[in-house]
Protein backbone atom coordinates (compact mmCIF):
# COMPACT_ATOMS: atom_id res chain seq x y z
CA MET A 1 -26.45 -45.40 -5.21
CA SER A 2 -24.48 -44.89 -2.01
CA GLU A 3 -21.18 -43.10 -1.87
CA ASN A 4 -18.16 -45.04 -0.62
CA ARG A 5 -16.67 -43.87 2.64
CA LEU A 6 -13.32 -44.57 4.26
CA GLY A 7 -13.28 -45.86 7.81
CA PHE A 8 -12.13 -48.20 10.53
CA VAL A 9 -13.72 -51.35 11.98
CA GLY A 10 -12.49 -52.71 15.30
CA ILE A 11 -13.29 -56.33 16.17
CA VAL A 12 -12.72 -57.78 19.64
CA MET A 13 -12.97 -61.54 20.05
CA GLU A 14 -13.33 -62.67 23.66
CA ASN A 15 -12.43 -66.22 22.65
CA ARG A 16 -10.32 -67.00 19.60
CA ALA A 17 -12.39 -70.14 18.99
CA CYS A 18 -14.70 -67.93 16.90
CA ALA A 19 -11.80 -66.76 14.67
CA GLY A 20 -12.81 -69.04 11.80
CA GLU A 21 -16.31 -67.59 11.66
CA VAL A 22 -14.98 -64.02 11.97
CA ASN A 23 -12.56 -64.66 9.09
CA ARG A 24 -15.37 -66.16 7.00
CA VAL A 25 -17.52 -63.04 7.40
CA VAL A 26 -14.57 -60.69 6.79
CA SER A 27 -13.66 -62.56 3.61
CA LEU A 28 -17.21 -62.09 2.29
CA TYR A 29 -16.52 -58.34 2.32
CA GLY A 30 -12.87 -58.57 1.24
CA ASP A 31 -13.39 -56.23 -1.72
CA MET A 32 -13.87 -53.25 0.62
CA ILE A 33 -10.99 -54.05 3.01
CA LYS A 34 -7.91 -51.90 2.37
CA GLY A 35 -5.85 -53.08 5.36
CA ARG A 36 -5.98 -55.47 8.28
CA ILE A 37 -4.04 -56.01 11.49
CA GLY A 38 -4.62 -58.71 14.06
CA VAL A 39 -3.26 -58.78 17.60
CA PRO A 40 -3.79 -62.02 19.52
CA ASP A 41 -3.32 -62.26 23.29
CA HIS A 42 -2.08 -65.80 23.82
CA ASP A 43 -2.33 -65.50 27.62
CA THR A 44 -6.06 -64.79 27.66
CA GLY A 45 -7.19 -66.28 24.35
CA THR A 46 -8.64 -62.96 23.19
CA ALA A 47 -7.77 -61.09 20.01
CA VAL A 48 -8.32 -57.72 18.37
CA ILE A 49 -8.58 -57.16 14.63
CA GLY A 50 -8.45 -53.72 13.04
CA LEU A 51 -9.74 -53.19 9.50
CA ILE A 52 -9.37 -50.17 7.25
CA VAL A 53 -12.40 -50.22 4.96
CA GLU A 54 -13.76 -48.29 2.00
CA GLY A 55 -17.36 -48.99 1.15
CA SER A 56 -20.91 -47.78 1.35
CA ASN A 57 -22.51 -47.22 4.72
CA GLU A 58 -24.86 -50.10 3.92
CA ALA A 59 -22.05 -52.56 3.10
CA VAL A 60 -19.99 -51.67 6.18
CA GLY A 61 -23.15 -51.92 8.28
CA ALA A 62 -23.98 -55.33 6.86
CA MET A 63 -20.51 -56.65 7.67
CA THR A 64 -20.42 -55.21 11.18
CA GLY A 65 -23.94 -56.48 11.83
CA LYS A 66 -22.99 -60.04 10.90
CA LEU A 67 -19.82 -59.85 12.97
CA GLY A 68 -21.62 -58.35 15.96
CA ASN A 69 -24.14 -61.18 15.96
CA LEU A 70 -21.40 -63.76 16.54
CA PRO A 71 -21.16 -64.91 20.17
CA GLY A 72 -18.21 -63.39 22.01
CA VAL A 73 -17.53 -60.77 19.30
CA THR A 74 -17.78 -57.01 19.83
CA VAL A 75 -17.55 -54.63 16.86
CA LYS A 76 -17.22 -50.85 16.60
CA SER A 77 -16.82 -48.77 13.47
CA ALA A 78 -16.17 -45.19 12.42
CA LEU A 79 -16.61 -43.84 8.90
CA THR A 80 -15.75 -40.54 7.29
CA ALA A 81 -18.59 -38.07 7.00
CA ARG A 82 -20.51 -37.83 3.77
CA LYS A 83 -19.28 -35.12 1.47
CA GLU A 84 -21.65 -32.19 1.30
CA THR A 85 -22.61 -30.90 -2.10
CA ARG A 86 -21.95 -27.18 -2.41
CA LYS A 87 -24.69 -25.06 -3.87
CA ASP A 88 -23.24 -21.87 -5.31
């Protein structure tokens, strides 16, 4: 069983026409999303979404993989390090 980790996922959409598909994928993983902010640029049609997530490395990876496979979508993520078990 994987340990949950806290982190950030940044999503850049080059064309907001893919927003519906991005939102569909994000909603599939809604149980691990703690916060969300979206910043559209109406002049260029691009948008940036920032997600605060808490989930396993595998779950975050699955979501970012699906998002990154969408045309015109770039995704980056950063997660907290795994906690080391102390051996005394």
